[in-house]
């Protein structure tokens, strides 16, 4: 569903780099405020990134990709989120799909890695708005009389789908236990994508409703999922790590904008201890110092979790849970640090910081919106149980109606 735009690099260049050109990051950052103020979906910017093969970072070298690590990806997500957190966030489903391919058949790897190397992207369509019992899905995949797979259902929070060539929908299989995933073209017959996301933050991620009405699914596009498998453990942790990386980018943007605003400000208050310009006032400098320090700690934690993820991918037995344990610990602390940074920004400037045209509030709104994706209190309890009783934590993999 992405639209054509001026390419960021020459088409068909070999996919070998794991880092985006700074020039491209800067171009994306330039329009971030205006897009937020006007709620302009970033189709053009997504086209630039797809042309630059951003989505191929994690494609292994043996399949023609750059072979980037999870840490490589997280560093790029942080850079991109500092430029525009919406754009970084909306690729989350795509990279979750690409990482899951490592656990699939060679036939599926060859087919889908090739698509990704062409610049194709895959959105997310996992969560249902309501009506499904916890652990079940109302979206169903079944075979028709001719033996062909058909997908029916409706998803909400389908982040990135409106910008993507495909979307990956979680579904139950009619007459069977468990669930699977079906990957279908977003412009395919029976697929309807709605731009109806109305959250106060991350307003441009395309996190709306997607409907599936007798959508044909190719055999190679049906993926099984085994609860408790290495794949399931890795993906649950990976999705949460991705959100933490986006939040770190937001914190870096808040420090950047606060510092840039202070560097230009000449007005001060008679109640200032020094009477100097804000940029020379030691109290204001102290606030920026705290913001910078908290951002550094948050980023360091997230990068360490990424390194643990890379190690856990090679682990066996209980070692595969290292990524989930690490990301849960980070989830308890990183969002709080980032929210503090985005709030302290307003202590550095005064009332002018609240002008709508500056959109400085977007940093707090975006950070708060991402932080709500997974209740932190549940993570704190799980880590406490692990530390006391050795109970391995369970990653977030199901949302639905509670038992009455």
Protein backbone atom coordinates (compact mmCIF):
# COMPACT_ATOMS: atom_id res chain seq x y z
CA UNK A 1 0.00 0.00 0.00
CA UNK A 2 3.04 2.26 0.11
CA UNK A 3 3.13 5.00 -2.52
CA UNK A 4 5.87 5.90 -4.97
CA UNK A 5 8.33 8.60 -3.96
CA UNK A 6 11.77 9.97 -4.72
CA UNK A 7 14.21 7.11 -3.98
CA UNK A 8 16.80 7.54 -1.25
CA UNK A 9 19.40 5.50 -3.12
CA UNK A 10 19.76 4.02 -6.58
CA UNK A 11 17.42 1.07 -7.04
CA UNK A 12 18.86 -2.44 -7.01
CA UNK A 13 22.05 -1.57 -5.18
CA UNK A 14 23.40 -4.60 -3.28
CA UNK A 15 21.95 -4.92 0.22
CA UNK A 16 25.08 -4.94 2.35
CA UNK A 17 24.83 -2.07 4.83
CA UNK A 18 23.34 -2.38 8.31
CA UNK A 19 23.32 1.38 8.94
CA UNK A 20 21.09 3.96 7.29
CA UNK A 21 22.75 6.98 5.65
CA UNK A 22 22.69 9.97 7.98
CA UNK A 23 21.39 12.08 5.09
CA UNK A 24 18.29 9.90 4.96
CA UNK A 25 17.77 10.12 8.73
CA UNK A 26 18.06 13.92 8.51
CA UNK A 27 15.52 14.12 5.67
CA UNK A 28 13.03 12.13 7.70
CA UNK A 29 13.56 14.30 10.78
CA UNK A 30 12.97 17.54 8.86
CA UNK A 31 9.23 17.05 8.47
CA UNK A 32 8.44 15.27 11.74
CA UNK A 33 6.84 18.27 13.48
CA UNK A 34 4.67 19.22 10.50
CA UNK A 35 3.52 15.61 10.06
CA UNK A 36 2.52 15.46 13.71
CA UNK A 37 0.63 18.76 13.60
CA UNK A 38 -1.29 17.90 10.43
CA UNK A 39 -1.52 14.13 10.99
CA UNK A 40 0.09 13.45 7.64
CA UNK A 41 0.88 9.76 7.28
CA UNK A 42 4.53 9.27 6.24
CA UNK A 43 4.01 7.34 2.99
CA UNK A 44 6.80 9.27 1.27
CA UNK A 45 9.31 8.67 4.05
CA UNK A 46 8.45 4.96 4.19
CA UNK A 47 9.09 4.75 0.44
CA UNK A 48 12.55 6.22 1.01
CA UNK A 49 13.32 3.63 3.67
CA UNK A 50 11.99 0.74 1.62
CA UNK A 51 14.09 1.88 -1.34
CA UNK A 52 17.10 1.96 1.00
CA UNK A 53 16.24 -1.63 2.05
CA UNK A 54 15.93 -0.70 5.71
CA UNK A 55 13.70 -3.72 6.19
CA UNK A 56 16.45 -6.11 5.07
CA UNK A 57 18.94 -5.44 7.89
CA UNK A 58 18.28 -8.82 9.54
CA UNK A 59 18.34 -10.92 6.36
CA UNK A 60 21.23 -13.42 6.77
CA UNK A 61 24.26 -13.21 4.49
CA UNK A 62 23.65 -16.70 3.12
CA UNK A 63 20.35 -15.43 1.70
CA UNK A 64 21.86 -12.29 0.18
CA UNK A 65 21.34 -9.89 3.08
CA UNK A 66 23.74 -7.87 5.23
CA UNK A 67 23.42 -10.28 8.15
CA UNK A 68 22.82 -7.59 10.74
CA UNK A 69 22.54 -8.59 14.40
CA UNK A 70 19.70 -7.68 16.72
CA UNK A 71 22.05 -5.09 18.21
CA UNK A 72 22.66 -3.61 14.74
CA UNK A 73 18.92 -3.30 14.21
CA UNK A 74 18.27 -1.77 17.62
CA UNK A 75 20.88 0.91 17.00
CA UNK A 76 19.13 1.86 13.76
CA UNK A 77 15.69 1.86 15.38
CA UNK A 78 17.01 4.27 18.01
CA UNK A 79 18.44 6.57 15.31
CA UNK A 80 15.24 6.47 13.31
CA UNK A 81 13.05 7.00 16.39
CA UNK A 82 15.05 10.08 17.28
CA UNK A 83 14.14 11.41 13.83
CA UNK A 84 10.49 10.28 13.98
CA UNK A 85 9.30 7.70 16.49
CA UNK A 86 6.20 6.93 14.43
CA UNK A 87 8.25 5.74 11.48
CA UNK A 88 10.55 3.63 13.62
CA UNK A 89 7.61 2.04 15.44
CA UNK A 90 5.60 1.09 12.36
CA UNK A 91 8.35 -1.28 11.14
CA UNK A 92 8.04 -3.38 14.30
CA UNK A 93 5.72 -5.96 12.75
CA UNK A 94 7.95 -6.25 9.70
CA UNK A 95 11.09 -6.97 11.68
CA UNK A 96 9.21 -9.41 13.91
CA UNK A 97 8.23 -11.29 10.75
CA UNK A 98 11.77 -11.24 9.37
CA UNK A 99 13.21 -12.56 12.64
CA UNK A 100 10.63 -15.35 12.73
CA UNK A 101 11.82 -16.55 9.32
CA UNK A 102 15.00 -17.87 10.95
CA UNK A 103 12.88 -20.66 12.46
CA UNK A 104 11.03 -21.59 9.27
CA UNK A 105 11.60 -24.05 6.41
CA UNK A 106 14.32 -23.36 3.87
CA UNK A 107 11.63 -22.98 1.21
CA UNK A 108 9.87 -20.24 3.18
CA UNK A 109 13.17 -18.55 3.98
CA UNK A 110 14.22 -18.39 0.33
CA UNK A 111 10.83 -17.09 -0.80
CA UNK A 112 10.31 -14.44 1.86
CA UNK A 113 13.89 -13.26 2.30
CA UNK A 114 13.89 -12.58 -1.45
CA UNK A 115 10.76 -10.46 -1.06
CA UNK A 116 12.35 -8.49 1.76
CA UNK A 117 15.53 -7.94 -0.25
CA UNK A 118 13.36 -6.45 -3.02
CA UNK A 119 12.18 -3.85 -0.50
CA UNK A 120 8.85 -5.48 0.32
CA UNK A 121 7.54 -5.04 3.86
CA UNK A 122 5.13 -6.92 6.11
CA UNK A 123 2.78 -5.20 8.56
CA UNK A 124 1.24 -6.53 11.74
CA UNK A 125 -2.30 -7.81 12.30
CA UNK A 126 -2.31 -9.77 15.52
CA UNK A 127 -4.56 -8.17 18.13
CA UNK A 128 -8.34 -8.28 18.12
CA UNK A 129 -10.25 -5.43 19.70
CA UNK A 130 -12.53 -7.63 21.80
CA UNK A 131 -14.77 -10.64 21.94
CA UNK A 132 -12.03 -13.27 21.88
CA UNK A 133 -11.32 -15.23 25.04
CA UNK A 134 -7.74 -15.02 26.31
CA UNK A 135 -5.68 -17.56 24.39
CA UNK A 136 -8.11 -17.78 21.46
CA UNK A 137 -8.68 -15.84 18.24
CA UNK A 138 -11.82 -15.01 16.31
CA UNK A 139 -9.84 -14.66 13.10
CA UNK A 140 -9.95 -18.07 11.40
CA UNK A 141 -7.98 -19.79 8.66
CA UNK A 142 -9.77 -22.69 6.97
CA UNK A 143 -9.63 -24.72 3.75
CA UNK A 144 -12.47 -24.42 1.26
CA UNK A 145 -13.93 -27.30 -0.71
CA UNK A 146 -11.08 -27.00 -3.20
CA UNK A 147 -8.49 -27.33 -0.44
CA UNK A 148 -7.37 -23.69 -0.61
CA UNK A 149 -6.70 -21.64 2.50
CA UNK A 150 -9.10 -18.75 3.24
CA UNK A 151 -8.71 -16.13 5.98
CA UNK A 152 -11.63 -14.40 7.74
CA UNK A 153 -11.64 -11.98 10.64
CA UNK A 154 -10.89 -8.47 11.85
CA UNK A 155 -7.85 -7.05 13.59
CA UNK A 156 -7.19 -3.84 15.46
CA UNK A 157 -3.78 -2.27 16.30
CA UNK A 158 -2.53 -3.45 12.89
CA UNK A 159 0.52 -1.19 13.09
CA UNK A 160 2.33 -0.52 9.82
CA UNK A 161 -0.10 -2.48 7.65
CA UNK A 162 -1.39 0.56 5.76
CA UNK A 163 2.19 1.28 4.61
CA UNK A 164 3.14 -2.33 3.83
CA UNK A 165 2.97 -4.66 0.86
CA UNK A 166 1.81 -7.56 3.05
CA UNK A 167 0.46 -8.07 6.53
CA UNK A 168 0.87 -11.01 8.88
CA UNK A 169 -2.36 -12.00 10.62
CA UNK A 170 -2.54 -14.33 13.58
CA UNK A 171 -5.36 -16.83 13.25
CA UNK A 172 -6.81 -20.01 14.63
CA UNK A 173 -7.16 -22.97 12.29
CA UNK A 174 -10.70 -24.22 12.04
CA UNK A 175 -11.11 -27.44 13.97
CA UNK A 176 -7.61 -27.38 15.47
CA UNK A 177 -5.99 -26.16 18.69
CA UNK A 178 -3.36 -23.45 18.77
CA UNK A 179 -2.79 -20.71 16.26
CA UNK A 180 -0.82 -19.86 13.14
CA UNK A 181 0.04 -16.86 11.00
CA UNK A 182 -1.11 -16.04 7.49
CA UNK A 183 0.74 -13.50 5.33
CA UNK A 184 -1.42 -11.81 2.69
CA UNK A 185 -1.01 -8.86 0.29
CA UNK A 186 -2.53 -5.67 1.68
CA UNK A 187 -4.01 -4.90 -1.74
CA UNK A 188 -5.38 -8.43 -2.16
CA UNK A 189 -9.04 -9.30 -2.72
CA UNK A 190 -10.95 -9.28 0.55
CA UNK A 191 -8.40 -7.18 2.49
CA UNK A 192 -9.59 -3.79 3.77
CA UNK A 193 -7.26 -1.52 5.71
CA UNK A 194 -8.75 1.39 7.70
CA UNK A 195 -6.94 4.50 8.91
CA UNK A 196 -8.95 4.72 12.14
CA UNK A 197 -6.28 4.91 14.84
CA UNK A 198 -7.09 7.84 17.15
CA UNK A 199 -4.55 7.56 19.96
CA UNK A 200 -3.10 10.80 21.35
CA UNK A 201 0.42 9.56 20.64
CA UNK A 202 2.18 7.67 17.85
CA UNK A 203 -0.58 9.10 15.66
CA UNK A 204 1.10 8.25 12.35
CA UNK A 205 1.85 4.54 12.74
CA UNK A 206 -1.24 3.38 10.83
CA UNK A 207 -2.35 1.43 13.88
CA UNK A 208 -5.92 0.89 12.69
CA UNK A 209 -8.34 -1.86 11.74
CA UNK A 210 -7.76 -4.50 9.07
CA UNK A 211 -10.57 -6.72 7.80
CA UNK A 212 -10.18 -10.09 6.08
CA UNK A 213 -13.09 -11.47 4.07
CA UNK A 214 -12.40 -14.83 2.38
CA UNK A 215 -8.83 -13.81 1.64
CA UNK A 216 -6.91 -16.45 -0.30
CA UNK A 217 -3.66 -17.52 1.37
CA UNK A 218 -0.84 -19.32 -0.44
CA UNK A 219 0.59 -22.44 1.20
CA UNK A 220 4.02 -20.84 1.50
CA UNK A 221 2.41 -17.94 3.38
CA UNK A 222 1.03 -20.03 6.25
CA UNK A 223 3.33 -20.23 9.27
CA UNK A 224 2.87 -22.48 12.25
CA UNK A 225 3.56 -21.40 15.80
CA UNK A 226 4.36 -23.71 18.71
CA UNK A 227 3.80 -22.23 22.17
CA UNK A 228 6.95 -22.30 24.29
CA UNK A 229 9.22 -22.92 21.28
CA UNK A 230 12.49 -21.06 20.80
CA UNK A 231 10.76 -18.99 18.12
CA UNK A 232 7.86 -18.04 20.40
CA UNK A 233 10.16 -17.07 23.27
CA UNK A 234 12.44 -15.01 21.03
CA UNK A 235 9.66 -13.20 19.21
CA UNK A 236 7.81 -12.17 22.39
CA UNK A 237 11.01 -10.67 23.79
CA UNK A 238 12.00 -9.14 20.44
CA UNK A 239 8.73 -7.24 20.07
CA UNK A 240 9.15 -5.67 23.52
CA UNK A 241 12.81 -4.83 22.91
CA UNK A 242 11.80 -3.05 19.73
CA UNK A 243 9.43 -0.79 21.67
CA UNK A 244 12.13 0.02 24.21
CA UNK A 245 14.46 1.06 21.38
CA UNK A 246 11.80 3.40 20.01
CA UNK A 247 11.40 4.96 23.46
CA UNK A 248 15.14 5.58 23.74
CA UNK A 249 15.00 7.42 20.41
CA UNK A 250 12.23 9.61 21.82
CA UNK A 251 14.34 10.47 24.87
CA UNK A 252 17.28 11.43 22.65
CA UNK A 253 14.97 13.65 20.59
CA UNK A 254 13.71 15.36 23.78
CA UNK A 255 17.27 16.13 24.91
CA UNK A 256 18.12 17.38 21.41
CA UNK A 257 15.09 19.68 21.21
CA UNK A 258 15.48 21.02 24.74
CA UNK A 259 19.15 21.81 24.16
CA UNK A 260 18.51 23.44 20.79
CA UNK A 261 15.72 25.59 22.22
CA UNK A 262 17.89 26.74 25.13
CA UNK A 263 20.82 27.55 22.87
CA UNK A 264 18.67 30.14 21.05
CA UNK A 265 16.73 31.53 24.03
CA UNK A 266 17.66 35.01 25.29
CA UNK A 267 14.81 35.71 27.73
CA UNK A 268 15.09 34.92 31.45
CA UNK A 269 13.19 35.56 34.72
CA UNK A 270 13.92 37.96 37.54
CA UNK A 271 13.59 34.96 39.87
CA UNK A 272 16.57 33.26 38.23
CA UNK A 273 19.43 32.72 40.70
CA UNK A 274 22.04 34.02 38.26
CA UNK A 275 20.07 36.39 36.05
CA UNK A 276 21.96 34.93 33.11
CA UNK A 277 20.48 33.60 29.90
CA UNK A 278 18.93 30.18 30.32
CA UNK A 279 21.77 28.47 28.47
CA UNK A 280 24.22 29.85 31.06
CA UNK A 281 22.05 29.24 34.12
CA UNK A 282 23.52 26.40 36.24
CA UNK A 283 20.08 25.24 37.37
CA UNK A 284 18.83 24.85 33.81
CA UNK A 285 22.10 23.18 32.83
CA UNK A 286 21.54 20.73 35.66
CA UNK A 287 18.13 19.72 34.28
CA UNK A 288 19.63 19.06 30.85
CA UNK A 289 22.40 17.08 32.54
CA UNK A 290 19.84 14.86 34.28
CA UNK A 291 17.92 14.37 31.05
CA UNK A 292 21.09 13.40 29.22
CA UNK A 293 22.17 11.01 31.98
CA UNK A 294 18.81 9.23 32.11
CA UNK A 295 18.83 8.86 28.34
CA UNK A 296 22.33 7.41 28.46
CA UNK A 297 21.31 4.86 31.08
CA UNK A 298 18.18 3.89 29.14
CA UNK A 299 20.12 3.48 25.89
CA UNK A 300 22.87 1.47 27.58
CA UNK A 301 20.30 -0.89 29.07
CA UNK A 302 18.51 -1.40 25.75
CA UNK A 303 21.74 -2.09 23.85
CA UNK A 304 22.76 -4.63 26.48
CA UNK A 305 19.39 -6.36 26.13
CA UNK A 306 19.96 -6.46 22.36
CA UNK A 307 23.33 -8.17 22.88
CA UNK A 308 21.67 -10.70 25.18
CA UNK A 309 19.07 -11.35 22.46
CA UNK A 310 21.83 -12.16 19.98
CA UNK A 311 23.38 -14.59 22.46
CA UNK A 312 20.04 -16.19 23.34
CA UNK A 313 19.36 -16.96 19.67
CA UNK A 314 22.29 -19.39 19.82
CA UNK A 315 21.34 -20.83 23.23
CA UNK A 316 19.55 -24.06 24.11
CA UNK A 317 17.37 -25.20 26.98
CA UNK A 318 16.54 -22.56 29.57
CA UNK A 319 19.22 -20.33 28.04
CA UNK A 320 16.73 -19.20 25.41
CA UNK A 321 14.82 -17.37 28.15
CA UNK A 322 17.73 -14.98 28.77
CA UNK A 323 16.29 -12.52 26.27
CA UNK A 324 12.87 -12.50 27.96
CA UNK A 325 14.38 -12.06 31.43
CA UNK A 326 16.56 -9.19 30.22
CA UNK A 327 13.83 -7.37 28.35
CA UNK A 328 11.42 -7.60 31.29
CA UNK A 329 14.01 -6.04 33.59
CA UNK A 330 14.51 -3.23 31.10
CA UNK A 331 10.75 -2.74 30.71
CA UNK A 332 10.46 -2.01 34.42
CA UNK A 333 12.95 0.86 34.23
CA UNK A 334 13.44 2.26 30.70
CA UNK A 335 9.91 3.61 30.10
CA UNK A 336 9.98 5.43 33.42
CA UNK A 337 13.34 7.04 32.59
CA UNK A 338 12.10 8.11 29.16
CA UNK A 339 8.88 9.60 30.53
CA UNK A 340 10.91 11.56 33.09
CA UNK A 341 13.09 12.95 30.31
CA UNK A 342 10.11 14.01 28.19
CA UNK A 343 8.48 15.70 31.21
CA UNK A 344 11.65 17.46 32.37
CA UNK A 345 11.93 19.06 28.94
CA UNK A 346 9.18 21.47 30.03
CA UNK A 347 11.18 22.58 33.08
CA UNK A 348 13.89 23.98 30.84
CA UNK A 349 11.99 26.55 28.76
CA UNK A 350 8.77 27.77 30.35
CA UNK A 351 5.32 28.40 28.90
CA UNK A 352 6.61 28.89 25.37
CA UNK A 353 7.42 25.18 25.27
CA UNK A 354 3.69 24.44 25.26
CA UNK A 355 3.02 26.26 22.00
CA UNK A 356 1.22 23.85 19.72
CA UNK A 357 3.35 24.84 16.74
CA UNK A 358 6.49 23.55 18.48
CA UNK A 359 4.89 20.13 19.12
CA UNK A 360 7.30 19.46 21.98
CA UNK A 361 4.48 17.61 23.71
CA UNK A 362 4.73 14.90 21.06
CA UNK A 363 7.72 13.39 22.83
CA UNK A 364 5.76 12.76 26.04
CA UNK A 365 2.62 11.66 24.15
CA UNK A 366 4.57 9.23 22.00
CA UNK A 367 6.57 7.81 24.91
CA UNK A 368 3.45 7.37 27.03
CA UNK A 369 1.58 5.68 24.19
CA UNK A 370 4.36 3.15 23.65
CA UNK A 371 4.71 2.55 27.39
CA UNK A 372 1.08 1.39 27.58
CA UNK A 373 1.67 -1.56 25.25
CA UNK A 374 2.57 -3.90 28.10
CA UNK A 375 1.60 -3.28 31.76
CA UNK A 376 4.88 -2.70 33.59
CA UNK A 377 3.48 -3.94 36.90
CA UNK A 378 3.04 -7.42 35.38
CA UNK A 379 6.70 -7.43 34.38
CA UNK A 380 7.83 -6.40 37.86
CA UNK A 381 5.84 -9.24 39.41
CA UNK A 382 7.25 -11.78 36.92
CA UNK A 383 10.85 -10.74 37.61
CA UNK A 384 10.21 -10.87 41.35
CA UNK A 385 8.86 -14.41 40.97
CA UNK A 386 11.89 -15.35 38.92
CA UNK A 387 14.38 -13.94 41.43
CA UNK A 388 12.68 -15.54 44.44
CA UNK A 389 11.40 -18.81 43.02
CA UNK A 390 13.28 -19.31 39.77
CA UNK A 391 10.05 -19.19 37.76
CA UNK A 392 10.85 -18.49 34.11
CA UNK A 393 8.83 -15.50 32.86
CA UNK A 394 6.31 -15.90 30.07
CA UNK A 395 6.48 -13.45 27.19
CA UNK A 396 3.42 -11.49 26.07
CA UNK A 397 1.79 -13.61 23.37
CA UNK A 398 -1.97 -13.39 23.93
CA UNK A 399 -4.55 -10.69 24.68
CA UNK A 400 -8.25 -11.41 25.16
CA UNK A 401 -11.24 -11.36 27.45
CA UNK A 402 -10.55 -12.46 31.04
CA UNK A 403 -12.31 -15.51 32.46
CA UNK A 404 -15.36 -14.54 34.51
